[in-house]
Amino acid sequence: MTRIAIYDTTLRDGSQGEGVNFSLQDKLLITSRLDELGVDYVEGGYPLSNPKDAAYFQAVRDLPLGHTKVVAFGMTRRRDIAAEDDTGMKALVAAGTPAVTVVGKTWDLHVREVLGVSLEENLRMIGDSLAFCASRVSEVIYDAEHFFDGFRRNPDYSLQTLRQAAEAGASWIILCDTNGGSLPEEVAEAVSQVAREIRVPLGIHTHNDGELAVANALAAVRQGARQVQGTINGLGERCGNADLCSVIGNLSLKYPDFEVLAPGKLVRLTEVSRYVYETANMNFRPGQAFVGASAFAHKGGMHVHGVRKIASSYEHIEPSTVGNERRILVSELSGKSNIAEKLTEFGLDQDQDLLSRVLDRVQELENEGYQFEAAEASFVLLVERLAGRHDKRFDLRGFHVGVAGQYGRASMTEATIKLQVGDVFEHTVSEGDGPVNALDGALRKALEHHYPGLRDMHLVDYKVRVINARAGTAARVRVVIESTDQDAVWGTIGVSENVIEASWLALVDSFEYKLSKDARGRTAAAPKSPALAAESLS
């Protein structure tokens, strides 16, 4: 079996992506997660570029890493300066990491027009820099920047730069598709030729500007590359880097001759993906291969029918192998197979009359603008009501929301609620930062002393979408609210021409679901959100 090393550059190359910013603590926590996953190398940053990266290389020494090698990143020495006198070179080796990565120019266009040096001086810069590092660090990785662009235009010179790196003591030579515009067949041909001429182990570093970063990385591995560089979730500059989640998933499960992670580690892949999203404060990509929330979600009735009989009929792998899970979606496109699969959770899948009534009602509501894919708690309540299993724990009598403000001052929102719990009539008022916050506060005042478990619940997300935009100000809006307590996350939905009423409907469903869930004494009715699922796996 051939071992493929995984080199993660989320903390350096990934942080160059738009909107991505990691604190020092973030970087240390992600390093620990990558170590738990079994990643071979973690590139921590450029120690001379900013104080945070310098502090990282100090602090990471105290992390009890069991597998991962931390790598410091830097560039070749500057022109006309000896490597031992170059501040960047000295900072690189002073980081004290077991491995360092040095990036150098491979494309003659960059050498002449960007660096502004001769081709001969660039070769000396590569050789001097790698020799300097190799004499002080046990493992030196050379990143051949813009290799594929340079190889297409001047293959002789590009190969000269690689030979220079090999002769100077490089442990690895990484071929970089820095502009991300190469095609898989071009990558395969180039890597094959380099493998015949360079005896140092090769690696591949691809960007995703042509949506081919993962395909290019796999093509390189097939031709002899033994290290793959990329980022978790494909974070990175412009269109990002090769997504290591897809690289690892494909190499581990589709290529039996390659060994990637240690046995038992692949199941952590989804957890790590979602942890990085959370830490970067970024939205998950539902359709992301292997680890996305929709990667094994089934909506079409024919698909669900097939999956219920033979899972592999519509799934290319078993979801649990990468720590993900199968989801059955409910929508107007659903057939009875979808509904039956959901009702199995309640032991109601054999009730054909209920199946038909639920399907009919779902189709009616979705025609009005409802969408239960992100609001499964509202679907659970729908099923409970149609099945006659829902216990009404409070009766709503009315609500009122008022907003007052003065020019130049923040507005004030006040909500009033009237409801009845048993024989007790409640009339409460609450101020808030907005209508939803005020309504939430008033509901809590009315209900928490009757149902103390509501104190564990809070809202974590609120989304509004206009459904029929052509109707202008009379358009319907869909509001989805995500709520959580100590052990679950759930989504609820409301639809109305009035955004406050839509919010109210979703909010009430959230409270109803919490009370129903607590009464059942179980949390499995609505799936955990990706974020909470990731936490529970850790």
Protein backbone atom coordinates (compact mmCIF):
# COMPACT_ATOMS: atom_id res chain seq x y z
CA MET A 1 0.00 0.00 0.00
CA THR A 2 1.35 3.45 -0.92
CA ARG A 3 1.25 6.10 1.75
CA ILE A 4 -0.05 9.55 0.70
CA ALA A 5 0.93 12.37 3.07
CA ILE A 6 -1.69 15.05 3.77
CA TYR A 7 -0.38 18.60 4.17
CA ASP A 8 -2.90 21.10 5.51
CA THR A 9 -2.44 24.79 4.83
CA THR A 10 -5.78 26.05 6.18
CA LEU A 11 -4.03 28.29 8.71
CA ARG A 12 -1.84 29.99 6.09
CA ASP A 13 -3.18 29.63 2.53
CA GLY A 14 -6.76 29.14 3.74
CA SER A 15 -6.66 32.30 5.86
CA GLN A 16 -5.93 34.29 2.69
CA GLY A 17 -9.49 33.62 1.54
CA GLU A 18 -11.94 36.49 1.56
CA GLY A 19 -13.67 36.83 4.91
CA VAL A 20 -11.43 34.30 6.67
CA ASN A 21 -9.59 35.42 9.79
CA PHE A 22 -8.31 33.14 12.54
CA SER A 23 -7.26 34.32 15.98
CA LEU A 24 -4.22 32.79 17.66
CA GLN A 25 -6.48 30.62 19.78
CA ASP A 26 -8.41 29.56 16.67
CA LYS A 27 -5.20 28.45 15.00
CA LEU A 28 -4.13 26.39 18.00
CA LEU A 29 -7.53 24.71 18.33
CA ILE A 30 -7.67 23.87 14.63
CA THR A 31 -4.16 22.44 14.84
CA SER A 32 -5.31 20.10 17.59
CA ARG A 33 -8.33 18.98 15.54
CA LEU A 34 -6.17 18.31 12.50
CA ASP A 35 -3.82 16.25 14.66
CA GLU A 36 -6.77 14.21 15.92
CA LEU A 37 -7.83 13.64 12.32
CA GLY A 38 -4.36 12.35 11.51
CA VAL A 39 -3.16 15.05 9.11
CA ASP A 40 0.59 14.64 8.54
CA TYR A 41 1.61 18.30 8.21
CA VAL A 42 -0.01 21.53 9.39
CA GLU A 43 1.38 24.71 7.94
CA GLY A 44 1.05 27.29 10.70
CA GLY A 45 1.92 30.46 8.81
CA TYR A 46 4.82 32.72 7.90
CA PRO A 47 6.70 33.61 11.12
CA LEU A 48 7.96 36.95 9.80
CA SER A 49 4.69 38.21 8.31
CA ASN A 50 2.83 39.24 11.50
CA PRO A 51 3.03 39.01 15.32
CA LYS A 52 0.16 36.47 15.46
CA ASP A 53 2.02 33.91 13.36
CA ALA A 54 5.19 34.45 15.39
CA ALA A 55 3.19 33.89 18.58
CA TYR A 56 1.63 30.76 17.08
CA PHE A 57 5.00 29.08 16.59
CA GLN A 58 5.84 29.80 20.23
CA ALA A 59 2.51 28.57 21.60
CA VAL A 60 2.19 25.48 19.39
CA ARG A 61 5.25 23.97 21.06
CA ASP A 62 3.11 23.37 24.15
CA LEU A 63 0.40 21.47 22.26
CA PRO A 64 0.54 17.70 22.92
CA LEU A 65 0.45 16.70 19.25
CA GLY A 66 0.54 12.98 18.65
CA HIS A 67 1.01 12.75 14.88
CA THR A 68 1.07 16.08 13.07
CA LYS A 69 4.25 17.94 12.18
CA VAL A 70 3.89 21.70 12.37
CA VAL A 71 5.47 23.52 9.42
CA ALA A 72 6.72 27.10 9.14
CA PHE A 73 6.36 28.73 5.73
CA GLY A 74 8.68 31.22 4.04
CA MET A 75 10.14 32.42 0.76
CA THR A 76 13.57 32.09 -0.79
CA ARG A 77 16.20 34.62 0.26
CA ARG A 78 16.02 38.08 -1.20
CA ARG A 79 18.13 39.05 -4.18
CA ASP A 80 21.80 39.82 -3.57
CA ILE A 81 21.64 38.82 0.13
CA ALA A 82 23.25 35.74 1.64
CA ALA A 83 20.75 33.28 3.09
CA GLU A 84 22.35 33.46 6.54
CA ASP A 85 21.88 37.26 6.52
CA ASP A 86 18.29 37.24 5.26
CA THR A 87 15.75 38.06 8.00
CA GLY A 88 13.12 35.82 6.43
CA MET A 89 15.44 32.82 6.33
CA LYS A 90 16.52 33.37 9.93
CA ALA A 91 12.90 33.70 11.12
CA LEU A 92 11.97 30.52 9.28
CA VAL A 93 14.50 28.31 11.04
CA ALA A 94 14.02 30.15 14.35
CA ALA A 95 10.38 29.00 14.40
CA GLY A 96 11.72 25.70 15.71
CA THR A 97 9.37 23.50 13.71
CA PRO A 98 10.34 19.96 12.64
CA ALA A 99 9.77 20.94 9.01
CA VAL A 100 9.84 24.13 6.96
CA THR A 101 8.41 24.98 3.56
CA VAL A 102 10.21 27.33 1.20
CA VAL A 103 8.41 28.70 -1.86
CA GLY A 104 10.37 29.70 -4.94
CA LYS A 105 9.76 30.91 -8.48
CA THR A 106 9.52 28.31 -11.24
CA TRP A 107 7.97 30.35 -14.06
CA ASP A 108 10.48 32.47 -15.96
CA LEU A 109 7.84 35.19 -16.40
CA HIS A 110 7.68 35.65 -12.64
CA VAL A 111 11.45 35.55 -12.29
CA ARG A 112 12.02 38.34 -14.79
CA GLU A 113 8.89 40.47 -14.41
CA VAL A 114 7.86 40.01 -10.75
CA LEU A 115 11.11 39.32 -8.92
CA GLY A 116 13.09 41.35 -11.40
CA VAL A 117 16.16 39.09 -11.29
CA SER A 118 18.00 37.00 -13.82
CA LEU A 119 17.16 33.35 -14.32
CA GLU A 120 20.60 32.44 -12.94
CA GLU A 121 20.10 34.53 -9.78
CA ASN A 122 16.75 32.84 -9.15
CA LEU A 123 18.45 29.44 -9.30
CA ARG A 124 21.03 30.64 -6.78
CA MET A 125 18.27 31.98 -4.52
CA ILE A 126 16.57 28.57 -4.54
CA GLY A 127 19.77 26.64 -3.94
CA ASP A 128 21.12 28.92 -1.21
CA SER A 129 17.80 29.05 0.66
CA LEU A 130 17.21 25.32 0.68
CA ALA A 131 20.82 24.52 1.60
CA PHE A 132 20.61 26.97 4.49
CA CYS A 133 17.39 25.40 5.81
CA ALA A 134 18.47 21.81 5.18
CA SER A 135 21.56 22.32 7.35
CA ARG A 136 19.38 23.47 10.27
CA VAL A 137 15.98 21.72 9.94
CA SER A 138 15.43 18.00 9.55
CA GLU A 139 12.81 18.26 6.78
CA VAL A 140 12.66 20.90 4.04
CA ILE A 141 9.70 21.10 1.65
CA TYR A 142 10.09 23.09 -1.55
CA ASP A 143 6.96 24.61 -3.10
CA ALA A 144 7.54 25.19 -6.81
CA GLU A 145 5.23 28.15 -7.32
CA HIS A 146 3.43 28.45 -10.69
CA PHE A 147 5.07 25.22 -11.80
CA PHE A 148 2.45 24.15 -14.34
CA ASP A 149 2.26 27.57 -15.99
CA GLY A 150 6.03 27.72 -16.17
CA PHE A 151 6.35 24.15 -17.41
CA ARG A 152 3.94 24.82 -20.29
CA ARG A 153 5.93 27.84 -21.45
CA ASN A 154 9.54 26.99 -20.60
CA PRO A 155 9.83 23.38 -19.44
CA ASP A 156 13.63 23.36 -19.49
CA TYR A 157 13.93 26.21 -17.02
CA SER A 158 11.16 24.91 -14.77
CA LEU A 159 12.97 21.57 -14.51
CA GLN A 160 16.23 23.40 -13.76
CA THR A 161 14.61 25.02 -10.70
CA LEU A 162 13.47 21.62 -9.46
CA ARG A 163 16.91 20.09 -9.93
CA GLN A 164 18.41 23.01 -8.02
CA ALA A 165 16.04 22.38 -5.12
CA ALA A 166 16.79 18.65 -5.14
CA GLU A 167 20.56 19.18 -5.15
CA ALA A 168 20.29 21.69 -2.29
CA GLY A 169 18.66 19.15 0.03
CA ALA A 170 14.88 19.37 -0.44
CA SER A 171 13.03 16.50 1.28
CA TRP A 172 9.94 17.08 -0.88
CA ILE A 173 9.31 19.01 -4.09
CA ILE A 174 5.73 20.23 -4.42
CA LEU A 175 4.38 21.12 -7.85
CA CYS A 176 2.01 24.07 -7.53
CA ASP A 177 -0.87 25.06 -9.79
CA THR A 178 -0.86 28.51 -8.23
CA ASN A 179 -3.22 30.15 -10.73
CA GLY A 180 -5.59 27.18 -10.61
CA GLY A 181 -6.12 27.06 -14.35
CA SER A 182 -4.57 23.72 -15.29
CA LEU A 183 -6.54 20.73 -16.55
CA PRO A 184 -6.21 17.19 -15.13
CA GLU A 185 -4.57 15.82 -18.29
CA GLU A 186 -2.00 18.64 -18.22
CA VAL A 187 -1.23 17.99 -14.57
CA ALA A 188 -0.93 14.25 -15.14
CA GLU A 189 1.45 14.65 -18.08
CA ALA A 190 3.66 17.15 -16.27
CA VAL A 191 3.87 15.16 -13.04
CA SER A 192 4.68 12.00 -15.00
CA GLN A 193 7.58 13.73 -16.75
CA VAL A 194 8.94 15.27 -13.55
CA ALA A 195 8.74 11.92 -11.76
CA ARG A 196 11.03 10.45 -14.42
CA GLU A 197 13.66 13.15 -13.97
CA ILE A 198 13.55 14.11 -10.26
CA ARG A 199 14.28 11.52 -7.58
CA VAL A 200 13.06 13.61 -4.63
CA PRO A 201 9.49 12.66 -3.51
CA LEU A 202 6.88 14.82 -5.22
CA GLY A 203 3.75 16.51 -3.96
CA ILE A 204 0.90 18.51 -5.46
CA HIS A 205 -0.61 21.89 -4.49
CA THR A 206 -3.65 22.97 -6.52
CA HIS A 207 -6.01 25.94 -6.56
CA ASN A 208 -9.63 25.82 -7.60
CA ASP A 209 -10.03 28.61 -10.16
CA GLY A 210 -11.20 26.10 -12.78
CA GLU A 211 -13.21 24.01 -10.26
CA LEU A 212 -10.64 21.27 -10.82
CA ALA A 213 -8.39 21.48 -7.76
CA VAL A 214 -9.45 18.09 -6.35
CA ALA A 215 -9.42 16.43 -9.79
CA ASN A 216 -5.95 17.85 -10.48
CA ALA A 217 -4.67 16.64 -7.10
CA LEU A 218 -5.98 13.12 -7.74
CA ALA A 219 -4.47 13.12 -11.23
CA ALA A 220 -1.10 14.05 -9.75
CA VAL A 221 -1.30 11.28 -7.17
CA ARG A 222 -2.05 8.76 -9.89
CA GLN A 223 1.17 9.84 -11.64
CA GLY A 224 3.42 9.60 -8.61
CA ALA A 225 2.79 12.53 -6.26
CA ARG A 226 3.00 11.30 -2.68
CA GLN A 227 1.95 14.42 -0.80
CA VAL A 228 -1.23 16.46 -1.29
CA GLN A 229 -1.46 20.03 -0.05
CA GLY A 230 -4.84 21.68 0.47
CA THR A 231 -7.21 23.22 2.99
CA ILE A 232 -10.20 22.01 4.97
CA ASN A 233 -13.37 22.97 3.06
CA GLY A 234 -11.27 24.36 0.21
CA LEU A 235 -10.70 27.73 1.90
CA GLY A 236 -8.22 29.99 0.18
CA GLU A 237 -7.52 32.95 -2.03
CA ARG A 238 -9.83 33.67 -4.98
CA CYS A 239 -11.73 30.40 -5.58
CA GLY A 240 -9.83 28.53 -2.88
CA ASN A 241 -7.53 25.54 -2.64
CA ALA A 242 -8.09 21.84 -3.11
CA ASP A 243 -10.65 20.75 -0.52
CA LEU A 244 -8.89 18.21 1.68
CA CYS A 245 -12.26 16.79 2.73
CA SER A 246 -12.84 15.62 -0.84
CA VAL A 247 -9.20 14.67 -1.39
CA ILE A 248 -9.10 12.55 1.75
CA GLY A 249 -12.54 11.04 1.10
CA ASN A 250 -11.68 10.02 -2.45
CA LEU A 251 -8.18 8.73 -1.73
CA SER A 252 -9.35 6.78 1.31
CA LEU A 253 -12.46 5.22 -0.19
CA LYS A 254 -11.95 5.10 -3.96
CA TYR A 255 -8.30 4.10 -4.27
CA PRO A 256 -7.59 0.86 -2.39
CA ASP A 257 -3.86 1.03 -3.19
CA PHE A 258 -3.41 4.28 -1.24
CA GLU A 259 -3.21 4.73 2.51
CA VAL A 260 -4.09 8.20 3.78
CA LEU A 261 -5.22 8.49 7.40
CA ALA A 262 -4.61 6.00 10.16
CA PRO A 263 -7.38 3.39 10.66
CA GLY A 264 -10.40 4.78 12.46
CA LYS A 265 -9.63 8.43 11.70
CA LEU A 266 -11.77 8.96 8.60
CA VAL A 267 -14.93 9.06 10.70
CA ARG A 268 -13.76 12.44 12.08
CA LEU A 269 -13.75 14.11 8.67
CA THR A 270 -17.21 15.71 8.90
CA GLU A 271 -16.55 16.86 12.45
CA VAL A 272 -13.34 18.64 11.45
CA SER A 273 -14.96 20.24 8.40
CA ARG A 274 -17.77 21.74 10.44
CA TYR A 275 -15.45 22.75 13.25
CA VAL A 276 -13.39 24.83 10.81
CA TYR A 277 -16.54 26.46 9.43
CA GLU A 278 -17.68 27.33 12.95
CA THR A 279 -14.27 28.65 13.97
CA ALA A 280 -14.02 30.77 10.81
CA ASN A 281 -17.61 32.02 11.42
CA MET A 282 -18.60 30.86 7.95
CA ASN A 283 -21.78 29.26 6.65
CA PHE A 284 -21.65 25.55 5.88
CA ARG A 285 -21.88 24.49 2.25
CA PRO A 286 -24.79 22.00 2.34
CA GLY A 287 -23.85 20.42 -1.00
CA GLN A 288 -20.20 19.91 -0.13
CA ALA A 289 -19.06 16.41 -1.09
CA PHE A 290 -18.63 13.83 1.67
CA VAL A 291 -19.17 16.22 4.62
CA GLY A 292 -22.02 18.53 3.59
CA ALA A 293 -25.40 18.34 5.32
CA SER A 294 -26.99 17.57 1.94
CA ALA A 295 -24.34 15.09 0.79
CA PHE A 296 -26.60 12.19 1.75
CA ALA A 297 -29.96 13.98 1.78
CA HIS A 298 -32.76 12.43 -0.28
CA LYS A 299 -35.80 14.33 -1.47
CA GLY A 300 -37.24 12.64 -4.56
CA GLY A 301 -39.69 9.88 -3.70
CA MET A 302 -38.08 7.40 -6.09
CA HIS A 303 -34.68 8.02 -4.48
CA VAL A 304 -36.00 7.48 -0.97
CA HIS A 305 -37.79 4.33 -2.05
CA GLY A 306 -34.51 2.99 -3.44
CA VAL A 307 -32.46 3.99 -0.40
CA ARG A 308 -34.89 2.29 1.96
CA LYS A 309 -34.35 -0.97 0.06
CA ILE A 310 -30.64 -0.71 -0.78
CA ALA A 311 -28.75 2.34 0.50
CA SER A 312 -26.02 2.03 -2.12
CA SER A 313 -28.57 2.45 -4.88
CA TYR A 314 -28.42 6.21 -4.37
CA GLU A 315 -25.34 6.68 -2.16
CA HIS A 316 -21.78 6.29 -3.38
CA ILE A 317 -20.48 5.54 0.14
CA GLU A 318 -21.92 4.75 3.56
CA PRO A 319 -22.35 8.22 5.19
CA SER A 320 -21.05 7.10 8.58
CA THR A 321 -17.62 6.24 7.16
CA VAL A 322 -16.86 9.97 6.99
CA GLY A 323 -18.86 10.87 10.09
CA ASN A 324 -21.88 12.12 8.15
CA GLU A 325 -25.49 10.94 8.22
CA ARG A 326 -28.35 10.17 5.87
CA ARG A 327 -31.25 12.64 5.80
CA ILE A 328 -34.69 12.17 4.31
CA LEU A 329 -36.20 15.48 3.20
CA VAL A 330 -39.86 16.28 3.18
CA SER A 331 -41.26 18.53 0.44
CA GLU A 332 -43.96 18.86 -2.18
CA LEU A 333 -41.86 16.52 -4.33
CA SER A 334 -42.00 13.82 -1.68
CA GLY A 335 -43.65 10.52 -2.30
CA LYS A 336 -44.98 8.24 0.38
CA SER A 337 -41.53 6.72 0.78
CA ASN A 338 -40.21 10.02 2.18
CA ILE A 339 -43.09 10.40 4.57
CA ALA A 340 -42.92 6.76 5.62
CA GLU A 341 -39.22 7.09 6.36
CA LYS A 342 -39.87 10.12 8.58
CA LEU A 343 -42.82 8.50 10.31
CA THR A 344 -40.70 5.46 11.17
CA GLU A 345 -39.26 7.59 13.98
CA PHE A 346 -42.74 7.62 15.53
CA GLY A 347 -43.68 4.04 14.74
CA LEU A 348 -46.37 5.33 12.38
CA ASP A 349 -45.02 4.24 9.02
CA GLN A 350 -47.66 1.53 8.62
CA ASP A 351 -50.59 3.97 8.92
CA GLN A 352 -51.43 4.44 5.23
CA ASP A 353 -54.23 6.92 5.91
CA LEU A 354 -51.90 9.11 7.96
CA LEU A 355 -49.24 8.85 5.26
CA SER A 356 -51.66 10.22 2.69
CA ARG A 357 -52.92 13.00 4.94
CA VAL A 358 -49.40 14.13 5.84
CA LEU A 359 -48.31 14.11 2.21
CA ASP A 360 -51.38 16.06 1.11
CA ARG A 361 -50.89 18.64 3.86
CA VAL A 362 -47.17 19.04 3.11
CA GLN A 363 -47.93 19.65 -0.56
CA GLU A 364 -50.62 22.20 0.34
CA LEU A 365 -48.32 24.09 2.69
CA GLU A 366 -45.36 24.09 0.33
CA ASN A 367 -47.62 25.51 -2.35
CA GLU A 368 -48.24 28.39 0.09
CA GLY A 369 -44.50 28.92 0.57
CA TYR A 370 -43.58 26.57 3.40
CA GLN A 371 -40.38 24.56 3.13
CA PHE A 372 -39.74 21.83 5.67
CA GLU A 373 -36.20 20.87 4.67
CA ALA A 374 -34.72 23.41 7.11
CA ALA A 375 -37.65 23.26 9.52
CA GLU A 376 -38.06 19.65 10.54
CA ALA A 377 -39.37 20.59 13.97
CA SER A 378 -42.40 22.22 12.30
CA PHE A 379 -42.85 19.00 10.33
CA VAL A 380 -42.75 16.96 13.55
CA LEU A 381 -45.48 19.18 15.02
CA LEU A 382 -47.51 18.78 11.82
CA VAL A 383 -47.31 14.98 12.11
CA GLU A 384 -48.21 15.05 15.81
CA ARG A 385 -51.27 17.17 15.10
CA LEU A 386 -52.48 15.05 12.18
CA ALA A 387 -51.87 11.87 14.19
CA GLY A 388 -53.79 13.24 17.17
CA ARG A 389 -50.72 13.00 19.37
CA HIS A 390 -50.13 16.67 20.02
CA ASP A 391 -51.00 17.97 23.49
CA LYS A 392 -51.71 21.68 23.37
CA ARG A 393 -49.86 23.21 26.30
CA PHE A 394 -51.01 26.80 25.88
CA ASP A 395 -53.73 28.66 23.98
CA LEU A 396 -52.80 31.88 22.22
CA ARG A 397 -55.32 34.71 22.55
CA GLY A 398 -53.44 37.41 20.66
CA PHE A 399 -50.29 39.46 20.29
CA HIS A 400 -49.36 43.04 19.49
CA VAL A 401 -46.03 44.53 18.44
CA GLY A 402 -45.28 48.24 18.45
CA VAL A 403 -42.19 50.08 17.22
CA ALA A 404 -41.47 53.66 18.27
CA GLY A 405 -38.52 55.85 17.44
CA GLN A 406 -37.23 59.36 17.04
CA TYR A 407 -34.95 60.76 14.39
CA GLY A 408 -31.31 60.16 15.31
CA ARG A 409 -32.17 57.72 18.10
CA ALA A 410 -32.44 53.92 18.22
CA SER A 411 -35.99 52.65 17.87
CA MET A 412 -37.73 50.74 20.65
CA THR A 413 -39.83 47.61 20.09
CA GLU A 414 -42.47 46.40 22.53
CA ALA A 415 -44.46 43.15 22.31
CA THR A 416 -47.64 42.27 24.20
CA ILE A 417 -48.94 38.71 24.40
CA LYS A 418 -52.14 37.21 25.74
CA LEU A 419 -52.36 33.45 26.27
CA GLN A 420 -53.86 30.84 28.53
CA VAL A 421 -52.18 27.89 30.25
CA GLY A 422 -54.85 25.63 31.68
CA ASP A 423 -57.08 27.90 33.77
CA VAL A 424 -54.41 30.60 34.11
CA PHE A 425 -54.63 33.68 31.88
CA GLU A 426 -51.32 35.42 31.08
CA HIS A 427 -50.90 38.95 29.75
CA THR A 428 -47.24 39.94 29.41
CA VAL A 429 -45.19 42.77 27.90
CA SER A 430 -41.54 42.79 26.89
CA GLU A 431 -39.17 45.19 25.16
CA GLY A 432 -36.56 43.94 22.70
CA ASP A 433 -34.00 44.85 20.08
CA GLY A 434 -36.59 44.02 17.41
CA PRO A 435 -39.97 42.34 16.97
CA VAL A 436 -38.69 38.76 17.26
CA ASN A 437 -36.60 39.53 20.34
CA ALA A 438 -39.52 41.32 21.97
CA LEU A 439 -41.99 38.51 21.16
CA ASP A 440 -39.51 35.94 22.45
CA GLY A 441 -39.19 37.87 25.72
CA ALA A 442 -42.96 38.19 26.18
CA LEU A 443 -43.53 34.48 25.48
CA ARG A 444 -40.89 33.57 28.02
CA LYS A 445 -42.46 35.79 30.68
CA ALA A 446 -45.80 34.10 30.08
CA LEU A 447 -44.58 30.50 29.95
CA GLU A 448 -41.33 29.96 31.84
CA HIS A 449 -42.89 29.76 35.31
CA HIS A 450 -45.28 27.12 33.95
CA TYR A 451 -42.58 25.29 31.99
CA PRO A 452 -39.12 25.90 33.55
CA GLY A 453 -37.42 23.81 30.83
CA LEU A 454 -37.87 26.75 28.45
CA ARG A 455 -35.03 28.50 30.26
CA ASP A 456 -32.63 26.08 28.51
CA MET A 457 -33.84 27.16 25.08
CA HIS A 458 -32.57 30.10 23.02
CA LEU A 459 -32.66 31.24 19.40
CA VAL A 460 -29.47 30.84 17.39
CA ASP A 461 -30.48 31.90 13.87
CA TYR A 462 -33.20 33.84 12.05
CA LYS A 463 -33.65 33.93 8.27
CA VAL A 464 -36.14 35.76 6.09
CA ARG A 465 -36.81 35.04 2.41
CA VAL A 466 -39.25 36.74 0.06
CA ILE A 467 -41.19 34.02 -1.77
CA ASN A 468 -43.02 35.82 -4.58
CA ALA A 469 -40.91 38.91 -5.12
CA ARG A 470 -43.02 40.09 -8.09
CA ALA A 471 -45.82 40.93 -5.68
CA GLY A 472 -43.68 43.80 -4.36
CA THR A 473 -44.59 44.99 -0.88
CA ALA A 474 -47.48 42.46 -0.78
CA ALA A 475 -45.11 39.53 -1.29
CA ARG A 476 -45.21 36.57 1.05
CA VAL A 477 -42.19 36.01 3.26
CA ARG A 478 -40.83 32.82 4.72
CA VAL A 479 -39.18 32.99 8.15
CA VAL A 480 -37.04 30.13 9.46
CA ILE A 481 -35.90 30.19 13.07
CA GLU A 482 -33.24 27.87 14.48
CA SER A 483 -33.36 27.19 18.21
CA THR A 484 -31.32 25.11 20.61
CA ASP A 485 -31.30 23.78 24.15
CA GLN A 486 -28.72 21.70 25.98
CA ASP A 487 -28.88 18.69 23.67
CA ALA A 488 -30.51 19.50 20.33
CA VAL A 489 -30.97 22.09 17.60
CA TRP A 490 -34.18 22.44 15.62
CA GLY A 491 -35.68 24.61 12.89
CA THR A 492 -39.21 26.00 12.61
CA ILE A 493 -40.99 27.95 9.89
CA GLY A 494 -43.71 30.55 9.38
CA VAL A 495 -45.13 32.03 6.17
CA SER A 496 -47.23 35.18 5.78
CA GLU A 497 -47.54 38.44 3.84
CA ASN A 498 -46.58 40.07 7.17
CA VAL A 499 -42.99 39.47 8.27
CA ILE A 500 -43.92 39.87 11.94
CA GLU A 501 -46.72 37.31 11.67
CA ALA A 502 -44.41 34.89 9.82
CA SER A 503 -41.84 35.36 12.58
CA TRP A 504 -44.53 34.82 15.22
CA LEU A 505 -45.66 31.53 13.63
CA ALA A 506 -42.09 30.21 13.50
CA LEU A 507 -41.40 31.37 17.04
CA VAL A 508 -44.51 29.71 18.49
CA ASP A 509 -43.63 26.46 16.71
CA SER A 510 -40.18 26.63 18.29
CA PHE A 511 -41.68 26.92 21.80
CA GLU A 512 -44.26 24.21 21.03
CA TYR A 513 -41.58 21.86 19.78
CA LYS A 514 -39.41 22.40 22.87
CA LEU A 515 -42.32 21.59 25.18
CA SER A 516 -43.34 18.57 23.09
CA LYS A 517 -39.77 17.30 22.98
CA ASP A 518 -39.35 17.62 26.73
CA ALA A 519 -42.65 15.84 27.31
CA ARG A 520 -41.55 12.94 25.12
CA GLY A 521 -38.26 12.78 26.99
CA ARG A 522 -36.27 12.29 23.81
CA THR A 523 -34.30 14.44 21.37
CA ALA A 524 -34.23 12.34 18.22
CA ALA A 525 -37.29 13.74 16.49
CA ALA A 526 -35.41 16.56 14.78
CA PRO A 527 -31.82 16.08 13.70
CA LYS A 528 -29.03 18.04 15.22
CA SER A 529 -27.65 20.90 13.21
CA PRO A 530 -24.27 20.39 11.55
CA ALA A 531 -22.60 22.53 14.20
CA LEU A 532 -24.02 20.58 17.14
CA ALA A 533 -23.47 17.27 15.39
CA ALA A 534 -19.81 18.18 15.03
CA GLU A 535 -19.60 19.01 18.73
CA SER A 536 -21.19 15.73 19.73
CA LEU A 537 -18.64 13.78 17.67
CA SER A 538 -15.68 15.50 19.25
